Amino acid sequence: MRAPAVPPRWGALLFDLDGTLIDSMPLHQSSWMRWFAEIGQPLVEDRRFFATTAGRTNGEILADMFPQHGAAEREAMAERKEVLYREEAATRLQAIDGALELLADARARGCRLAICTAAPLDNIAVALQRFGLGDLVDTITSPADGLRGKPHPDIFEEAARRLGQAPADCLVFEDAPLGVEAARRAGMQAVALTTTLEADAFADFPNLVATVNNFTRLDRTLLFP
């Protein structure tokens, strides 16, 4: 694919992983519900749960939910939930419509690209293996780098630093309100994908420049002149 004579509008595009590049949130919902059932605490308000936790690390989520347990016990709890997720993801995980095509197009046009995710390394590895994402992006930032989960801006700020871009020159793609908030705190504008939550979940964010249900619906003039 031949790159255009003019540069892209953004120096870097930063992508969340779960629910943004990969259609993993139904699998995460299923695995959380299975996990809660295993501990005898069925998950009833699943929409509210995912609206308030998507983008955070399991450790952060479980520390709030089970403060009476020690860190080692919560780590074991988190790993069990992710084992349940990977059992499903190994054969059922799909990419969000248009995601891989957009990554390839943006790379050809000279954009720097990053995946910015709170996912554990083993989960990231599943996505890299199934879709070859490692060949399409320049860097991946996650809590494995010692960074805090969203809504803290750390994961996006570190990606911008690695890519040599100012925050204002980075556009974030997110499916979670906490992720859009993390982008706002980092001084970045964002596109929300309604793959997990409805558009009204993002209505109050001043840094939002577009809301779409997948990448085939994205107006490319937002990205490329």
C-alpha atoms as a PDB file:
ATOM      1  CA  MET A   1       0.000   0.000   0.000  1.00  0.00           C
ATOM      2  CA  ARG A   2       1.472   3.352  -1.062  1.00  0.00           C
ATOM      3  CA  ALA A   3       1.638   6.031   1.654  1.00  0.00           C
ATOM      4  CA  PRO A   4       0.109   9.412   0.744  1.00  0.00           C
ATOM      5  CA  ALA A   5       2.241  12.505   0.129  1.00  0.00           C
ATOM      6  CA  VAL A   6       0.748  14.271   3.148  1.00  0.00           C
ATOM      7  CA  PRO A   7       1.320  13.049   6.707  1.00  0.00           C
ATOM      8  CA  PRO A   8      -1.483  11.621   8.868  1.00  0.00           C
ATOM      9  CA  ARG A   9      -3.358  13.989  11.182  1.00  0.00           C
ATOM     10  CA  TRP A  10      -1.971  12.236  14.282  1.00  0.00           C
ATOM     11  CA  GLY A  11       1.569  11.282  15.121  1.00  0.00           C
ATOM     12  CA  ALA A  12       0.405   8.191  17.002  1.00  0.00           C
ATOM     13  CA  LEU A  13      -2.696   6.076  17.394  1.00  0.00           C
ATOM     14  CA  LEU A  14      -3.030   4.334  20.762  1.00  0.00           C
ATOM     15  CA  PHE A  15      -5.373   1.355  20.981  1.00  0.00           C
ATOM     16  CA  ASP A  16      -6.846  -0.370  23.962  1.00  0.00           C
ATOM     17  CA  LEU A  17      -6.931  -4.139  23.385  1.00  0.00           C
ATOM     18  CA  ASP A  18      -9.966  -5.815  24.977  1.00  0.00           C
ATOM     19  CA  GLY A  19     -13.176  -4.641  23.345  1.00  0.00           C
ATOM     20  CA  THR A  20     -11.283  -2.274  21.045  1.00  0.00           C
ATOM     21  CA  LEU A  21      -8.996  -4.292  18.794  1.00  0.00           C
ATOM     22  CA  ILE A  22     -10.332  -7.688  19.834  1.00  0.00           C
ATOM     23  CA  ASP A  23     -13.915  -8.722  20.547  1.00  0.00           C
ATOM     24  CA  SER A  24     -12.979 -10.161  23.931  1.00  0.00           C
ATOM     25  CA  MET A  25     -15.415  -8.447  26.241  1.00  0.00           C
ATOM     26  CA  PRO A  26     -18.185 -11.059  25.818  1.00  0.00           C
ATOM     27  CA  LEU A  27     -15.575 -13.675  26.733  1.00  0.00           C
ATOM     28  CA  HIS A  28     -14.451 -11.618  29.731  1.00  0.00           C
ATOM     29  CA  GLN A  29     -18.063 -11.210  30.804  1.00  0.00           C
ATOM     30  CA  SER A  30     -18.585 -14.931  30.514  1.00  0.00           C
ATOM     31  CA  SER A  31     -15.422 -15.745  32.440  1.00  0.00           C
ATOM     32  CA  TRP A  32     -16.215 -13.245  35.206  1.00  0.00           C
ATOM     33  CA  MET A  33     -19.709 -14.706  35.543  1.00  0.00           C
ATOM     34  CA  ARG A  34     -18.270 -18.220  35.678  1.00  0.00           C
ATOM     35  CA  TRP A  35     -15.716 -17.063  38.248  1.00  0.00           C
ATOM     36  CA  PHE A  36     -18.331 -15.390  40.452  1.00  0.00           C
ATOM     37  CA  ALA A  37     -20.481 -18.517  40.219  1.00  0.00           C
ATOM     38  CA  GLU A  38     -17.521 -20.637  41.320  1.00  0.00           C
ATOM     39  CA  ILE A  39     -17.128 -18.579  44.493  1.00  0.00           C
ATOM     40  CA  GLY A  40     -20.876 -18.625  45.140  1.00  0.00           C
ATOM     41  CA  GLN A  41     -21.446 -14.940  44.384  1.00  0.00           C
ATOM     42  CA  PRO A  42     -23.395 -14.639  41.107  1.00  0.00           C
ATOM     43  CA  LEU A  43     -22.783 -11.461  39.123  1.00  0.00           C
ATOM     44  CA  VAL A  44     -26.153  -9.739  38.771  1.00  0.00           C
ATOM     45  CA  GLU A  45     -25.472  -6.142  37.701  1.00  0.00           C
ATOM     46  CA  ASP A  46     -23.060  -7.076  34.939  1.00  0.00           C
ATOM     47  CA  ARG A  47     -23.473  -3.845  32.917  1.00  0.00           C
ATOM     48  CA  ARG A  48     -22.585  -1.677  35.913  1.00  0.00           C
ATOM     49  CA  PHE A  49     -19.731  -4.006  36.835  1.00  0.00           C
ATOM     50  CA  PHE A  50     -18.082  -3.719  33.422  1.00  0.00           C
ATOM     51  CA  ALA A  51     -18.717   0.030  33.148  1.00  0.00           C
ATOM     52  CA  THR A  52     -16.838   0.621  36.403  1.00  0.00           C
ATOM     53  CA  THR A  53     -14.059  -1.951  36.024  1.00  0.00           C
ATOM     54  CA  ALA A  54     -13.117  -2.227  32.326  1.00  0.00           C
ATOM     55  CA  GLY A  55      -9.580  -0.914  31.928  1.00  0.00           C
ATOM     56  CA  ARG A  56      -8.511  -1.611  35.503  1.00  0.00           C
ATOM     57  CA  THR A  57      -6.212  -4.449  36.457  1.00  0.00           C
ATOM     58  CA  ASN A  58      -7.644  -7.519  38.151  1.00  0.00           C
ATOM     59  CA  GLY A  59      -5.565  -6.681  41.193  1.00  0.00           C
ATOM     60  CA  GLU A  60      -7.175  -3.263  41.471  1.00  0.00           C
ATOM     61  CA  ILE A  61     -10.666  -4.665  40.970  1.00  0.00           C
ATOM     62  CA  LEU A  62     -10.260  -7.467  43.504  1.00  0.00           C
ATOM     63  CA  ALA A  63      -8.558  -5.221  46.076  1.00  0.00           C
ATOM     64  CA  ASP A  64     -11.713  -3.092  46.138  1.00  0.00           C
ATOM     65  CA  MET A  65     -14.044  -6.095  46.199  1.00  0.00           C
ATOM     66  CA  PHE A  66     -12.136  -8.290  48.652  1.00  0.00           C
ATOM     67  CA  PRO A  67     -10.038  -6.041  50.924  1.00  0.00           C
ATOM     68  CA  GLN A  68     -10.136  -8.739  53.603  1.00  0.00           C
ATOM     69  CA  HIS A  69      -7.958 -11.032  51.477  1.00  0.00           C
ATOM     70  CA  GLY A  70      -4.208 -10.720  51.144  1.00  0.00           C
ATOM     71  CA  ALA A  71      -2.395  -9.854  47.930  1.00  0.00           C
ATOM     72  CA  ALA A  72      -1.312 -13.450  47.269  1.00  0.00           C
ATOM     73  CA  GLU A  73      -4.860 -14.745  47.612  1.00  0.00           C
ATOM     74  CA  ARG A  74      -6.216 -12.036  45.327  1.00  0.00           C
ATOM     75  CA  GLU A  75      -3.511 -12.835  42.781  1.00  0.00           C
ATOM     76  CA  ALA A  76      -4.633 -16.471  42.766  1.00  0.00           C
ATOM     77  CA  MET A  77      -8.240 -15.347  42.347  1.00  0.00           C
ATOM     78  CA  ALA A  78      -7.287 -13.136  39.415  1.00  0.00           C
ATOM     79  CA  GLU A  79      -5.317 -15.910  37.743  1.00  0.00           C
ATOM     80  CA  ARG A  80      -8.253 -18.290  37.985  1.00  0.00           C
ATOM     81  CA  LYS A  81     -10.510 -15.794  36.261  1.00  0.00           C
ATOM     82  CA  GLU A  82      -7.970 -15.321  33.466  1.00  0.00           C
ATOM     83  CA  VAL A  83      -7.556 -19.084  33.017  1.00  0.00           C
ATOM     84  CA  LEU A  84     -11.305 -19.237  32.399  1.00  0.00           C
ATOM     85  CA  TYR A  85     -10.981 -16.391  29.875  1.00  0.00           C
ATOM     86  CA  ARG A  86      -8.075 -17.974  27.991  1.00  0.00           C
ATOM     87  CA  GLU A  87      -9.910 -21.291  27.748  1.00  0.00           C
ATOM     88  CA  GLU A  88     -12.551 -19.515  25.672  1.00  0.00           C
ATOM     89  CA  ALA A  89     -10.280 -17.043  23.885  1.00  0.00           C
ATOM     90  CA  ALA A  90      -7.970 -19.725  22.487  1.00  0.00           C
ATOM     91  CA  THR A  91     -10.652 -20.808  20.006  1.00  0.00           C
ATOM     92  CA  ARG A  92     -13.386 -18.156  20.050  1.00  0.00           C
ATOM     93  CA  LEU A  93     -11.566 -14.792  20.102  1.00  0.00           C
ATOM     94  CA  GLN A  94     -12.246 -12.557  17.077  1.00  0.00           C
ATOM     95  CA  ALA A  95     -10.979  -9.149  15.979  1.00  0.00           C
ATOM     96  CA  ILE A  96     -13.277  -6.133  16.006  1.00  0.00           C
ATOM     97  CA  ASP A  97     -14.547  -5.416  12.483  1.00  0.00           C
ATOM     98  CA  GLY A  98     -12.035  -3.310  10.571  1.00  0.00           C
ATOM     99  CA  ALA A  99      -9.410  -3.274  13.328  1.00  0.00           C
ATOM    100  CA  LEU A 100      -6.639  -5.176  11.556  1.00  0.00           C
ATOM    101  CA  GLU A 101      -7.244  -3.288   8.316  1.00  0.00           C
ATOM    102  CA  LEU A 102      -7.001   0.061  10.101  1.00  0.00           C
ATOM    103  CA  LEU A 103      -3.748  -0.912  11.806  1.00  0.00           C
ATOM    104  CA  ALA A 104      -2.207  -1.946   8.487  1.00  0.00           C
ATOM    105  CA  ASP A 105      -3.423   1.212   6.729  1.00  0.00           C
ATOM    106  CA  ALA A 106      -2.231   3.537   9.509  1.00  0.00           C
ATOM    107  CA  ARG A 107       1.169   1.863   9.594  1.00  0.00           C
ATOM    108  CA  ALA A 108       1.532   2.282   5.827  1.00  0.00           C
ATOM    109  CA  ARG A 109       0.674   5.966   6.171  1.00  0.00           C
ATOM    110  CA  GLY A 110       3.418   6.594   8.729  1.00  0.00           C
ATOM    111  CA  CYS A 111       1.485   6.577  12.008  1.00  0.00           C
ATOM    112  CA  ARG A 112       3.230   5.295  15.096  1.00  0.00           C
ATOM    113  CA  LEU A 113       1.033   2.658  16.742  1.00  0.00           C
ATOM    114  CA  ALA A 114       0.706   1.260  20.249  1.00  0.00           C
ATOM    115  CA  ILE A 115      -1.458  -1.154  22.183  1.00  0.00           C
ATOM    116  CA  CYS A 116      -2.196   0.224  25.651  1.00  0.00           C
ATOM    117  CA  THR A 117      -3.900  -2.383  27.795  1.00  0.00           C
ATOM    118  CA  ALA A 118      -4.470  -3.504  31.357  1.00  0.00           C
ATOM    119  CA  ALA A 119      -4.567  -7.134  30.209  1.00  0.00           C
ATOM    120  CA  PRO A 120      -2.200  -9.702  31.758  1.00  0.00           C
ATOM    121  CA  LEU A 121       0.731 -10.768  29.596  1.00  0.00           C
ATOM    122  CA  ASP A 122      -0.687 -14.246  28.952  1.00  0.00           C
ATOM    123  CA  ASN A 123      -3.905 -12.710  27.620  1.00  0.00           C
ATOM    124  CA  ILE A 124      -1.949 -10.328  25.408  1.00  0.00           C
ATOM    125  CA  ALA A 125      -0.023 -13.314  24.074  1.00  0.00           C
ATOM    126  CA  VAL A 126      -3.261 -15.003  22.979  1.00  0.00           C
ATOM    127  CA  ALA A 127      -4.233 -11.953  20.912  1.00  0.00           C
ATOM    128  CA  LEU A 128      -0.750 -11.579  19.441  1.00  0.00           C
ATOM    129  CA  GLN A 129      -0.722 -15.209  18.382  1.00  0.00           C
ATOM    130  CA  ARG A 130      -4.212 -15.238  16.858  1.00  0.00           C
ATOM    131  CA  PHE A 131      -3.980 -11.954  14.929  1.00  0.00           C
ATOM    132  CA  GLY A 132      -0.282 -11.122  14.514  1.00  0.00           C
ATOM    133  CA  LEU A 133      -0.752  -7.806  16.313  1.00  0.00           C
ATOM    134  CA  GLY A 134       2.883  -7.648  17.327  1.00  0.00           C
ATOM    135  CA  ASP A 135       3.838  -7.118  13.673  1.00  0.00           C
ATOM    136  CA  LEU A 136       1.368  -4.243  13.294  1.00  0.00           C
ATOM    137  CA  VAL A 137       2.298  -2.006  16.239  1.00  0.00           C
ATOM    138  CA  ASP A 138       5.474  -0.342  17.493  1.00  0.00           C
ATOM    139  CA  THR A 139       5.025  -0.967  21.209  1.00  0.00           C
ATOM    140  CA  ILE A 140       2.742  -2.439  23.851  1.00  0.00           C
ATOM    141  CA  THR A 141       2.301  -0.883  27.294  1.00  0.00           C
ATOM    142  CA  SER A 142       0.619  -2.611  30.220  1.00  0.00           C
ATOM    143  CA  PRO A 143       0.772  -2.974  34.015  1.00  0.00           C
ATOM    144  CA  ALA A 144       3.530  -5.552  33.431  1.00  0.00           C
ATOM    145  CA  ASP A 145       5.716  -2.475  32.852  1.00  0.00           C
ATOM    146  CA  GLY A 146       5.004  -1.306  36.397  1.00  0.00           C
ATOM    147  CA  LEU A 147       2.226   1.048  35.246  1.00  0.00           C
ATOM    148  CA  ARG A 148      -1.103   1.660  36.949  1.00  0.00           C
ATOM    149  CA  GLY A 149      -4.355   0.634  35.288  1.00  0.00           C
ATOM    150  CA  LYS A 150      -6.898   3.069  33.874  1.00  0.00           C
ATOM    151  CA  PRO A 151      -8.263   5.651  34.688  1.00  0.00           C
ATOM    152  CA  HIS A 152      -4.675   6.535  35.617  1.00  0.00           C
ATOM    153  CA  PRO A 153      -2.972   7.925  32.504  1.00  0.00           C
ATOM    154  CA  ASP A 154       0.257   5.935  32.934  1.00  0.00           C
ATOM    155  CA  ILE A 155      -0.250   3.395  30.148  1.00  0.00           C
ATOM    156  CA  PHE A 156      -0.987   6.073  27.542  1.00  0.00           C
ATOM    157  CA  GLU A 157       1.717   8.439  28.753  1.00  0.00           C
ATOM    158  CA  GLU A 158       4.350   5.707  28.545  1.00  0.00           C
ATOM    159  CA  ALA A 159       3.262   4.793  25.020  1.00  0.00           C
ATOM    160  CA  ALA A 160       3.580   8.430  23.909  1.00  0.00           C
ATOM    161  CA  ARG A 161       7.025   8.631  25.496  1.00  0.00           C
ATOM    162  CA  ARG A 162       8.218   5.481  23.728  1.00  0.00           C
ATOM    163  CA  LEU A 163       6.847   6.674  20.402  1.00  0.00           C
ATOM    164  CA  GLY A 164       8.381  10.127  20.773  1.00  0.00           C
ATOM    165  CA  GLN A 165       5.034  11.903  20.495  1.00  0.00           C
ATOM    166  CA  ALA A 166       3.467  14.732  22.473  1.00  0.00           C
ATOM    167  CA  PRO A 167       0.163  13.784  24.148  1.00  0.00           C
ATOM    168  CA  ALA A 168      -1.733  16.252  21.970  1.00  0.00           C
ATOM    169  CA  ASP A 169      -0.503  14.374  18.890  1.00  0.00           C
ATOM    170  CA  CYS A 170      -1.890  11.029  20.090  1.00  0.00           C
ATOM    171  CA  LEU A 171      -5.400   9.739  19.430  1.00  0.00           C
ATOM    172  CA  VAL A 172      -6.725   7.010  21.734  1.00  0.00           C
ATOM    173  CA  PHE A 173      -9.245   4.299  20.815  1.00  0.00           C
ATOM    174  CA  GLU A 174     -11.197   2.891  23.777  1.00  0.00           C
ATOM    175  CA  ASP A 175     -14.319   0.906  24.586  1.00  0.00           C
ATOM    176  CA  ALA A 176     -14.422   1.758  28.314  1.00  0.00           C
ATOM    177  CA  PRO A 177     -15.263   5.000  30.141  1.00  0.00           C
ATOM    178  CA  LEU A 178     -12.266   4.507  32.425  1.00  0.00           C
ATOM    179  CA  GLY A 179     -10.061   4.317  29.341  1.00  0.00           C
ATOM    180  CA  VAL A 180     -11.462   7.526  27.868  1.00  0.00           C
ATOM    181  CA  GLU A 181     -10.914   9.168  31.253  1.00  0.00           C
ATOM    182  CA  ALA A 182      -7.308   7.917  31.279  1.00  0.00           C
ATOM    183  CA  ALA A 183      -6.821   9.491  27.860  1.00  0.00           C
ATOM    184  CA  ARG A 184      -8.281  12.769  29.132  1.00  0.00           C
ATOM    185  CA  ARG A 185      -5.890  12.776  32.086  1.00  0.00           C
ATOM    186  CA  ALA A 186      -3.021  12.148  29.670  1.00  0.00           C
ATOM    187  CA  GLY A 187      -4.051  15.169  27.584  1.00  0.00           C
ATOM    188  CA  MET A 188      -5.216  13.039  24.652  1.00  0.00           C
ATOM    189  CA  GLN A 189      -8.363  12.990  22.544  1.00  0.00           C
ATOM    190  CA  ALA A 190     -10.237   9.735  22.101  1.00  0.00           C
ATOM    191  CA  VAL A 191     -12.594   7.720  19.936  1.00  0.00           C
ATOM    192  CA  ALA A 192     -15.086   5.530  21.810  1.00  0.00           C
ATOM    193  CA  LEU A 193     -16.180   2.151  20.484  1.00  0.00           C
ATOM    194  CA  THR A 194     -19.602   0.964  21.595  1.00  0.00           C
ATOM    195  CA  THR A 195     -18.632  -2.688  21.514  1.00  0.00           C
ATOM    196  CA  THR A 196     -19.291  -3.144  25.236  1.00  0.00           C
ATOM    197  CA  LEU A 197     -21.409  -0.186  26.373  1.00  0.00           C
ATOM    198  CA  GLU A 198     -23.889   2.142  24.688  1.00  0.00           C
ATOM    199  CA  ALA A 199     -22.901   5.608  23.470  1.00  0.00           C
ATOM    200  CA  ASP A 200     -24.521   7.321  26.454  1.00  0.00           C
ATOM    201  CA  ALA A 201     -21.810   5.867  28.700  1.00  0.00           C
ATOM    202  CA  PHE A 202     -19.329   8.240  27.008  1.00  0.00           C
ATOM    203  CA  ALA A 203     -21.536  11.312  26.606  1.00  0.00           C
ATOM    204  CA  ASP A 204     -19.883  13.480  29.265  1.00  0.00           C
ATOM    205  CA  PHE A 205     -16.257  13.218  28.139  1.00  0.00           C
ATOM    206  CA  PRO A 206     -14.890  16.502  26.709  1.00  0.00           C
ATOM    207  CA  ASN A 207     -12.001  14.754  24.933  1.00  0.00           C
ATOM    208  CA  LEU A 208     -14.225  12.535  22.800  1.00  0.00           C
ATOM    209  CA  VAL A 209     -13.999  13.237  19.055  1.00  0.00           C
ATOM    210  CA  ALA A 210     -16.099  10.345  17.713  1.00  0.00           C
ATOM    211  CA  THR A 211     -18.191   7.367  18.784  1.00  0.00           C
ATOM    212  CA  VAL A 212     -18.501   4.309  16.524  1.00  0.00           C
ATOM    213  CA  ASN A 213     -19.552   0.698  16.918  1.00  0.00           C
ATOM    214  CA  ASN A 214     -16.571  -0.685  14.962  1.00  0.00           C
ATOM    215  CA  PHE A 215     -13.719   0.508  12.757  1.00  0.00           C
ATOM    216  CA  THR A 216     -15.633   0.084   9.506  1.00  0.00           C
ATOM    217  CA  ARG A 217     -17.882   2.926  10.710  1.00  0.00           C
ATOM    218  CA  LEU A 218     -14.983   5.290  11.424  1.00  0.00           C
ATOM    219  CA  ASP A 219     -14.688   8.381   9.220  1.00  0.00           C
ATOM    220  CA  ARG A 220     -11.106   8.011   7.971  1.00  0.00           C
ATOM    221  CA  THR A 221     -10.805  11.759   7.396  1.00  0.00           C
ATOM    222  CA  LEU A 222     -10.557  12.013  11.183  1.00  0.00           C
ATOM    223  CA  LEU A 223      -7.234  10.200  10.880  1.00  0.00           C
ATOM    224  CA  PHE A 224      -5.900  10.959   7.403  1.00  0.00           C
ATOM    225  CA  PRO A 225      -6.258  14.195   5.391  1.00  0.00           C
END
